[in-house]
N, C-alpha and C. Protein backbone atom coordinates (compact mmCIF):
# COMPACT_ATOMS: atom_id res chain seq x y z
N UNK A 1 1.05 -0.91 0.00
CA UNK A 1 -0.17 -0.30 -0.12
C UNK A 1 0.39 1.34 0.07
N UNK A 2 0.84 2.06 -1.04
CA UNK A 2 1.35 3.42 -0.81
C UNK A 2 1.48 4.00 0.30
N UNK A 3 2.33 4.82 0.74
CA UNK A 3 1.86 5.78 2.00
C UNK A 3 1.52 7.35 1.61
N UNK A 4 0.55 7.92 1.46
CA UNK A 4 -0.11 8.86 1.81
C UNK A 4 0.19 10.01 2.27
N UNK A 5 -0.04 11.43 1.99
CA UNK A 5 0.09 12.39 2.36
C UNK A 5 -1.28 12.81 2.59
N UNK A 6 -1.83 13.60 3.66
CA UNK A 6 -3.38 14.13 3.86
C UNK A 6 -2.87 15.27 4.15
N UNK A 7 -3.97 16.72 3.79
CA UNK A 7 -3.54 17.84 3.63
C UNK A 7 -5.18 17.82 4.50
N UNK A 8 -4.84 18.67 5.54
CA UNK A 8 -6.27 18.94 6.24
C UNK A 8 -6.07 20.44 5.74
N UNK A 9 -7.37 21.17 5.26
CA UNK A 9 -7.62 22.38 4.48
C UNK A 9 -8.60 23.25 5.06
N UNK A 10 -9.04 24.49 4.33
CA UNK A 10 -10.66 25.33 4.34
C UNK A 10 -10.43 25.99 3.19
N UNK A 11 -10.98 26.20 2.63
CA UNK A 11 -11.52 27.01 1.83
C UNK A 11 -11.02 28.17 1.75
N UNK A 12 -9.88 28.69 0.79
CA UNK A 12 -9.33 30.04 0.15
C UNK A 12 -8.14 29.78 1.04
N UNK A 13 -7.85 28.30 1.57
CA UNK A 13 -6.39 28.94 2.47
C UNK A 13 -5.58 28.78 1.40
N UNK A 14 -4.72 30.10 0.89
CA UNK A 14 -3.60 30.17 0.20
C UNK A 14 -2.66 29.29 0.66
N UNK A 15 -2.46 28.77 1.85
CA UNK A 15 -1.40 28.49 2.38
C UNK A 15 -1.12 26.74 2.23
N UNK A 16 -2.64 26.14 2.09
CA UNK A 16 -3.13 25.12 2.03
C UNK A 16 -2.37 24.80 -0.14
N UNK A 17 -3.21 25.77 -0.33
CA UNK A 17 -2.73 25.45 -1.95
C UNK A 17 -0.93 25.47 -1.79
N UNK A 18 -0.37 26.42 -1.37
CA UNK A 18 0.79 26.24 -1.85
C UNK A 18 1.75 25.02 -1.27
N UNK A 19 1.10 24.49 -0.05
CA UNK A 19 1.55 22.99 0.36
C UNK A 19 1.23 21.97 -1.09
N UNK A 20 0.14 22.06 -1.61
CA UNK A 20 -0.20 21.42 -2.04
C UNK A 20 0.43 21.14 -3.54
N UNK A 21 0.93 22.74 -4.00
CA UNK A 21 1.69 22.55 -5.42
C UNK A 21 3.01 22.00 -5.48
N UNK A 22 3.71 22.75 -4.01
CA UNK A 22 4.85 22.14 -3.41
C UNK A 22 4.89 20.87 -3.81
N UNK A 23 4.01 19.72 -3.25
CA UNK A 23 4.44 18.33 -3.25
C UNK A 23 4.03 18.21 -4.76
N UNK A 24 3.10 18.69 -5.53
CA UNK A 24 2.93 17.86 -6.75
C UNK A 24 4.07 18.43 -7.73
N UNK A 25 4.85 19.40 -7.45
CA UNK A 25 5.98 19.90 -7.99
C UNK A 25 6.90 18.68 -8.02
N UNK A 26 7.07 18.10 -6.75
CA UNK A 26 7.96 16.81 -6.29
C UNK A 26 7.30 15.73 -6.77
N UNK A 27 6.07 15.48 -7.29
CA UNK A 27 5.51 13.95 -7.60
C UNK A 27 4.82 14.00 -6.90
N UNK A 28 4.71 13.99 -5.61
CA UNK A 28 3.87 13.38 -4.44
C UNK A 28 2.47 14.08 -4.60
N UNK A 29 1.56 12.98 -4.76
CA UNK A 29 0.01 13.16 -4.53
C UNK A 29 -0.25 13.61 -2.77
N UNK A 30 -1.37 14.29 -2.80
CA UNK A 30 -1.92 14.49 -1.44
C UNK A 30 -3.29 14.47 -1.69
N UNK A 31 -4.30 13.71 -0.49
CA UNK A 31 -5.42 14.39 -0.55
C UNK A 31 -5.65 15.40 0.63
N UNK A 32 -6.19 16.32 -0.43
CA UNK A 32 -7.02 17.24 0.37
C UNK A 32 -8.13 17.63 0.75
N UNK A 33 -8.15 17.58 2.04
CA UNK A 33 -9.79 17.30 2.97
C UNK A 33 -10.05 18.47 3.57
N UNK A 34 -10.82 19.35 2.72
CA UNK A 34 -11.82 20.46 3.65
C UNK A 34 -12.39 20.11 5.05
N UNK A 35 -12.10 20.85 6.15
CA UNK A 35 -12.77 20.40 7.65
C UNK A 35 -14.15 21.51 7.58
N UNK A 36 -14.19 21.95 6.86
CA UNK A 36 -15.42 22.74 7.02
C UNK A 36 -16.33 21.77 6.80
N UNK A 37 -16.05 20.77 5.83
CA UNK A 37 -17.49 20.09 5.06
C UNK A 37 -17.11 18.35 5.44
N UNK A 38 -16.31 18.19 5.94
CA UNK A 38 -15.63 17.37 6.85
C UNK A 38 -15.81 17.30 8.34
N UNK A 39 -16.94 16.79 8.86
CA UNK A 39 -16.61 16.68 10.40
C UNK A 39 -15.93 15.81 11.00
N UNK A 40 -15.85 14.49 10.49
CA UNK A 40 -15.01 13.79 10.74
C UNK A 40 -13.34 14.10 10.49
N UNK A 41 -12.72 14.56 9.94
CA UNK A 41 -11.82 15.07 9.30
C UNK A 41 -11.33 16.31 10.03
N UNK A 42 -12.26 16.82 10.38
CA UNK A 42 -11.85 17.95 11.87
C UNK A 42 -11.42 17.53 12.87
N UNK A 43 -12.22 16.14 13.51
CA UNK A 43 -12.03 15.84 14.63
C UNK A 43 -10.10 14.75 14.67
N UNK A 44 -9.82 14.22 13.46
CA UNK A 44 -8.96 13.68 12.93
C UNK A 44 -7.71 14.82 13.29
N UNK A 45 -8.07 15.96 12.49
CA UNK A 45 -6.81 16.98 12.22
C UNK A 45 -6.87 17.35 14.04
N UNK A 46 -8.16 17.41 15.01
CA UNK A 46 -7.65 18.59 16.05
C UNK A 46 -6.89 17.39 16.88
N UNK A 47 -7.45 16.24 17.18
CA UNK A 47 -6.53 14.63 17.53
C UNK A 47 -5.41 14.93 16.83
N UNK A 48 -4.74 14.75 16.19
CA UNK A 48 -3.83 14.62 15.57
C UNK A 48 -2.94 15.49 16.13
N UNK A 49 -3.24 16.85 16.39
CA UNK A 49 -2.59 18.30 16.65
C UNK A 49 -2.51 18.65 18.08
N UNK A 50 -3.38 17.92 19.01
CA UNK A 50 -3.57 18.21 20.33
C UNK A 50 -3.87 19.82 20.80
N UNK A 51 -5.60 19.53 19.32
CA UNK A 51 -6.64 20.87 19.55
C UNK A 51 -6.16 21.64 18.98
N UNK A 52 -5.24 22.49 18.37
CA UNK A 52 -4.85 22.96 16.96
C UNK A 52 -6.10 23.04 15.94
N UNK A 53 -6.51 24.19 15.83
CA UNK A 53 -7.71 24.22 14.25
C UNK A 53 -7.35 25.16 13.94
N UNK A 54 -5.96 24.96 13.39
CA UNK A 54 -5.46 25.61 12.09
C UNK A 54 -4.95 25.26 10.72
N UNK A 55 -5.76 25.68 9.53
CA UNK A 55 -4.80 25.14 8.33
C UNK A 55 -3.72 25.69 7.45
N UNK A 56 -2.78 24.98 7.27
CA UNK A 56 -3.02 23.54 7.12
C UNK A 56 -2.17 22.48 7.77
N UNK A 57 -2.92 21.56 8.49
CA UNK A 57 -2.11 20.69 8.85
C UNK A 57 -2.10 19.54 7.94
N UNK A 58 -0.30 19.10 7.92
CA UNK A 58 -0.22 17.69 6.97
C UNK A 58 0.30 16.73 8.03
N UNK A 59 -0.36 15.11 7.36
CA UNK A 59 0.16 14.31 8.18
C UNK A 59 0.19 13.37 6.87
N UNK A 60 1.78 13.24 7.54
CA UNK A 60 2.27 11.94 6.58
C UNK A 60 3.32 10.90 7.30
N UNK A 61 3.18 9.86 7.06
CA UNK A 61 3.98 8.50 7.98
C UNK A 61 3.79 9.12 9.18
N UNK A 62 4.27 9.18 9.51
CA UNK A 62 3.81 9.61 11.28
C UNK A 62 4.66 10.62 11.36
N UNK A 63 4.38 11.72 10.76
CA UNK A 63 4.58 13.06 11.47
C UNK A 63 3.12 13.86 11.07
N UNK A 64 3.13 15.03 12.68
CA UNK A 64 1.93 15.90 11.72
C UNK A 64 3.04 17.29 11.59
N UNK A 65 2.11 18.06 10.70
CA UNK A 65 3.00 19.09 10.65
C UNK A 65 1.67 20.35 10.56
N UNK A 66 1.78 21.30 11.31
CA UNK A 66 0.94 21.95 11.17
C UNK A 66 1.76 23.83 10.40
N UNK A 67 0.76 23.79 9.40
CA UNK A 67 1.48 25.22 8.52
C UNK A 67 2.22 25.01 7.02
N UNK A 68 2.43 25.36 7.19
CA UNK A 68 3.70 24.97 5.37
C UNK A 68 5.16 25.88 5.92
N UNK A 69 5.56 25.01 5.94
CA UNK A 69 7.39 25.22 5.73
C UNK A 69 8.02 24.70 4.79
N UNK A 70 8.99 24.77 4.19
CA UNK A 70 8.84 24.14 2.44
C UNK A 70 10.39 23.06 3.37
N UNK A 71 11.29 23.66 4.13
CA UNK A 71 12.05 22.64 5.25
C UNK A 71 11.79 21.54 5.29
N UNK A 72 10.95 21.78 6.07
CA UNK A 72 10.18 20.69 7.04
C UNK A 72 9.73 19.59 6.21
N UNK A 73 9.02 20.21 5.18
CA UNK A 73 7.93 19.43 5.00
C UNK A 73 8.71 18.38 3.68
N UNK A 74 9.94 19.19 3.39
CA UNK A 74 10.73 18.16 2.24
C UNK A 74 11.43 17.29 3.24
N UNK A 75 12.51 17.67 4.06
CA UNK A 75 12.66 16.79 5.49
C UNK A 75 11.52 15.38 5.27
N UNK A 76 10.66 15.93 5.99
CA UNK A 76 9.58 14.92 6.08
C UNK A 76 9.15 14.30 5.24
N UNK A 77 8.95 14.85 3.84
CA UNK A 77 8.55 14.00 2.57
C UNK A 77 9.51 12.79 2.06
N UNK A 78 10.42 12.98 2.92
CA UNK A 78 11.49 11.67 2.44
C UNK A 78 11.36 10.10 2.58
N UNK A 79 10.21 10.22 3.72
CA UNK A 79 9.75 9.07 4.63
C UNK A 79 9.04 7.63 3.25
N UNK A 80 8.19 8.91 2.40
CA UNK A 80 7.79 8.66 1.60
C UNK A 80 8.72 8.17 -0.06
N UNK A 81 9.93 7.91 0.39
CA UNK A 81 10.83 7.37 -0.83
C UNK A 81 11.21 5.93 -0.42
């Protein structure tokens, strides 16, 4: 089974879009989940972050990143190789 990245996002979140574009440019597919339309995803995101409700939250392998930091995401995405 392929490892997946999930980006918990909100509508109009430009930072969420930046994260997805960054991953796409690296050839990595990510699932974009709108937490304003999916209450279960919001619960999952909140649980992963210990209560933080700020998008984006990026879940990959065994890491959870809050916000978008290119260097941090680059390092974390190495687990997909």
